[in-house]
Protein backbone atom coordinates (compact mmCIF):
# COMPACT_ATOMS: atom_id res chain seq x y z
CA UNK A 1 -18.33 -38.13 11.43
CA UNK A 2 -20.28 -41.42 11.60
CA UNK A 3 -18.54 -42.67 8.47
CA UNK A 4 -15.16 -41.82 9.96
CA UNK A 5 -15.94 -43.70 13.19
CA UNK A 6 -17.30 -46.64 11.24
CA UNK A 7 -14.12 -46.72 9.15
CA UNK A 8 -11.94 -46.67 12.29
CA UNK A 9 -13.97 -49.51 13.82
CA UNK A 10 -13.58 -51.49 10.59
CA UNK A 11 -9.81 -50.91 10.48
CA UNK A 12 -9.42 -51.77 14.17
CA UNK A 13 -11.50 -54.92 13.70
CA UNK A 14 -9.39 -55.98 10.75
CA UNK A 15 -6.23 -55.82 12.85
CA UNK A 16 -7.71 -57.04 16.13
CA UNK A 17 -9.45 -60.05 14.64
CA UNK A 18 -7.13 -60.86 11.77
CA UNK A 19 -6.37 -64.44 10.89
CA UNK A 20 -2.97 -66.05 11.41
CA UNK A 21 -0.04 -63.76 11.99
CA UNK A 22 3.48 -64.38 10.72
CA UNK A 23 4.78 -64.78 14.28
CA UNK A 24 2.11 -67.40 15.03
CA UNK A 25 3.14 -69.43 11.98
CA UNK A 26 6.86 -68.93 12.69
CA UNK A 27 6.39 -70.23 16.26
CA UNK A 28 5.69 -73.71 14.84
CA UNK A 29 9.29 -73.89 13.61
CA UNK A 30 10.88 -72.84 16.91
CA UNK A 31 12.89 -75.28 19.04
CA UNK A 32 10.16 -75.30 21.70
CA UNK A 33 7.52 -76.84 19.37
CA UNK A 34 6.32 -80.30 20.41
CA UNK A 35 5.31 -82.57 17.53
CA UNK A 36 2.92 -85.49 17.87
CA UNK A 37 1.77 -87.95 15.21
CA UNK A 38 -1.71 -89.45 15.07
CA UNK A 39 -2.65 -92.92 13.90
CA UNK A 40 -6.08 -91.60 12.93
CA UNK A 41 -7.01 -89.87 9.71
CA UNK A 42 -8.83 -86.56 9.48
CA UNK A 43 -10.34 -84.62 6.61
CA UNK A 44 -8.30 -81.70 5.20
CA UNK A 45 -9.62 -79.45 2.43
CA UNK A 46 -7.94 -77.08 -0.01
CA UNK A 47 -9.07 -74.96 -2.94
CA UNK A 48 -8.35 -76.35 -6.40
CA UNK A 49 -6.26 -73.67 -8.19
CA UNK A 50 -8.14 -71.79 -10.91
CA UNK A 51 -11.56 -73.07 -9.86
CA UNK A 52 -14.18 -72.58 -7.17
CA UNK A 53 -13.89 -76.25 -6.20
CA UNK A 54 -12.75 -77.57 -2.85
CA UNK A 55 -10.78 -80.84 -2.70
CA UNK A 56 -11.16 -82.73 0.60
CA UNK A 57 -9.19 -85.86 1.50
CA UNK A 58 -8.36 -87.84 4.62
CA UNK A 59 -4.78 -87.86 5.87
CA UNK A 60 -2.74 -89.00 8.84
CA UNK A 61 -1.28 -85.90 10.46
CA UNK A 62 1.13 -84.24 12.84
CA UNK A 63 -0.21 -82.21 15.75
CA UNK A 64 2.18 -79.27 16.33
CA UNK A 65 2.05 -77.72 19.81
CA UNK A 66 3.76 -74.52 20.95
CA UNK A 67 3.64 -73.36 24.58
CA UNK A 68 2.47 -69.72 24.84
CA UNK A 69 2.49 -68.66 28.49
CA UNK A 70 0.21 -71.09 30.32
CA UNK A 71 -1.66 -72.04 27.09
CA UNK A 72 -0.76 -74.03 24.00
CA UNK A 73 -1.13 -73.04 20.33
CA UNK A 74 -2.04 -76.01 18.09
CA UNK A 75 -1.70 -76.59 14.35
CA UNK A 76 -1.88 -79.63 12.10
CA UNK A 77 0.24 -80.95 9.23
CA UNK A 78 -1.37 -83.68 7.11
CA UNK A 79 0.90 -86.46 5.82
CA UNK A 80 0.32 -87.49 2.23
CA UNK A 81 1.48 -90.69 0.58
CA UNK A 82 2.71 -92.46 3.74
CA UNK A 83 4.92 -95.39 2.67
CA UNK A 84 4.54 -97.65 5.73
CA UNK A 85 2.91 -97.95 9.12
CA UNK A 86 3.86 -99.67 12.36
CA UNK A 87 1.64 -102.33 14.01
CA UNK A 88 -0.40 -99.60 15.79
CA UNK A 89 -1.04 -97.85 12.43
CA UNK A 90 1.26 -94.87 13.13
CA UNK A 91 3.23 -93.66 10.08
CA UNK A 92 6.87 -94.76 10.09
CA UNK A 93 8.98 -91.60 9.74
CA UNK A 94 12.50 -91.84 8.29
CA UNK A 95 14.90 -88.99 7.54
CA UNK A 96 18.22 -88.65 5.76
CA UNK A 97 20.42 -85.59 5.29
CA UNK A 98 20.81 -83.82 1.94
CA UNK A 99 22.22 -80.48 0.86
CA UNK A 100 19.22 -78.21 0.24
CA UNK A 101 19.12 -74.61 -0.96
CA UNK A 102 17.85 -72.01 1.51
CA UNK A 103 16.31 -68.87 0.02
CA UNK A 104 17.09 -66.73 3.08
CA UNK A 105 20.83 -67.54 3.26
CA UNK A 106 21.18 -68.23 -0.48
CA UNK A 107 23.28 -71.27 0.39
CA UNK A 108 22.95 -75.02 0.39
CA UNK A 109 22.83 -76.51 3.87
CA UNK A 110 22.52 -79.98 5.34
CA UNK A 111 18.79 -80.57 5.78
CA UNK A 112 16.79 -83.58 6.96
CA UNK A 113 14.56 -84.85 4.13
CA UNK A 114 12.23 -87.80 3.87
CA UNK A 115 10.63 -90.04 1.33
CA UNK A 116 8.63 -91.97 3.94
CA UNK A 117 5.75 -89.49 3.52
CA UNK A 118 4.84 -86.43 1.50
CA UNK A 119 3.35 -83.06 2.39
CA UNK A 120 1.22 -80.88 0.17
CA UNK A 121 2.79 -77.42 0.54
CA UNK A 122 -0.61 -75.80 1.17
CA UNK A 123 -0.85 -77.81 4.37
CA UNK A 124 2.55 -77.39 6.07
CA UNK A 125 0.95 -75.51 8.98
CA UNK A 126 -2.85 -75.69 9.06
CA UNK A 127 -5.24 -74.46 11.76
CA UNK A 128 -7.35 -77.57 11.07
CA UNK A 129 -11.11 -77.91 11.08
CA UNK A 130 -13.92 -78.38 13.54
CA UNK A 131 -17.48 -79.64 13.47
CA UNK A 132 -20.28 -77.40 14.74
CA UNK A 133 -23.94 -78.44 14.63
CA UNK A 134 -23.12 -81.25 12.22
CA UNK A 135 -21.25 -79.02 9.73
CA UNK A 136 -17.50 -79.03 9.16
CA UNK A 137 -15.70 -75.66 9.19
CA UNK A 138 -12.09 -74.80 8.41
CA UNK A 139 -10.63 -72.74 11.25
CA UNK A 140 -9.33 -69.28 10.41
CA UNK A 141 -6.90 -69.21 13.35
CA UNK A 142 -5.03 -71.61 15.58
CA UNK A 143 -6.54 -73.24 18.64
CA UNK A 144 -5.34 -71.92 22.01
CA UNK A 145 -5.83 -74.60 24.68
CA UNK A 146 -5.17 -75.01 28.38
CA UNK A 147 -3.02 -77.95 29.46
CA UNK A 148 -6.06 -80.09 30.33
CA UNK A 149 -7.76 -79.23 27.02
CA UNK A 150 -4.55 -80.11 25.15
CA UNK A 151 -4.27 -83.45 26.98
CA UNK A 152 -7.89 -84.26 26.06
CA UNK A 153 -7.28 -83.28 22.41
CA UNK A 154 -4.14 -85.42 22.11
CA UNK A 155 -5.91 -88.37 23.74
CA UNK A 156 -8.94 -88.04 21.43
CA UNK A 157 -6.66 -87.95 18.38
CA UNK A 158 -4.52 -90.88 19.64
CA UNK A 159 -1.47 -88.68 19.15
CA UNK A 160 1.93 -89.73 20.47
CA UNK A 161 4.96 -87.49 20.82
CA UNK A 162 7.83 -88.04 18.42
CA UNK A 163 11.26 -88.99 19.74
CA UNK A 164 13.55 -85.96 20.27
CA UNK A 165 15.64 -86.73 17.16
CA UNK A 166 12.60 -87.36 14.92
CA UNK A 167 10.92 -84.24 16.31
CA UNK A 168 13.98 -82.12 15.50
CA UNK A 169 14.26 -83.56 11.96
CA UNK A 170 10.53 -83.07 11.37
CA UNK A 171 10.65 -79.44 12.55
CA UNK A 172 13.66 -78.61 10.34
CA UNK A 173 12.12 -80.39 7.33
CA UNK A 174 8.77 -78.57 7.73
CA UNK A 175 10.59 -75.25 8.17
CA UNK A 176 12.59 -75.84 4.99
CA UNK A 177 9.43 -76.82 3.04
CA UNK A 178 7.50 -73.79 4.25
CA UNK A 179 10.19 -71.15 3.71
CA UNK A 180 11.69 -72.45 0.47
CA UNK A 181 8.62 -73.52 -1.48
CA UNK A 182 6.22 -70.62 -0.91
């Protein structure tokens, strides 16, 4: 009986405290996402395929914010190979439209694409990292912040909101990358 109860607790814990859910990730591609860009760089790490090594590099990044009730879910998207910066050191983001294949619809559709920066596919939507007691940890789930906590975070990261058109193009481009390259 104890083993059965222990097994139920384990199963419940697995579901109750699981990492990112599909709906959480999908929410970052919804029309209500707010996208900010930072002029700072932060460290992002990923596993090197086929090894036990971790590769960490500094990137500029997007801060993706989704309202969830009276809180905000936050993720990060590091920008690789930024071509140019403005005078305040923010990446200059340019988009053009190309016909791109969509796995879901099995059709080519007009899609905003860019060559002003690159994104490593492992990082399209990342929960980011945090420092505790001098050690850096990768988060296993997304931050949920109140409005005042979000304002403080955006201020500390020197993040500014993208224009509506750039925000829309960025969201569609990230959605296409995530769903058609995984």
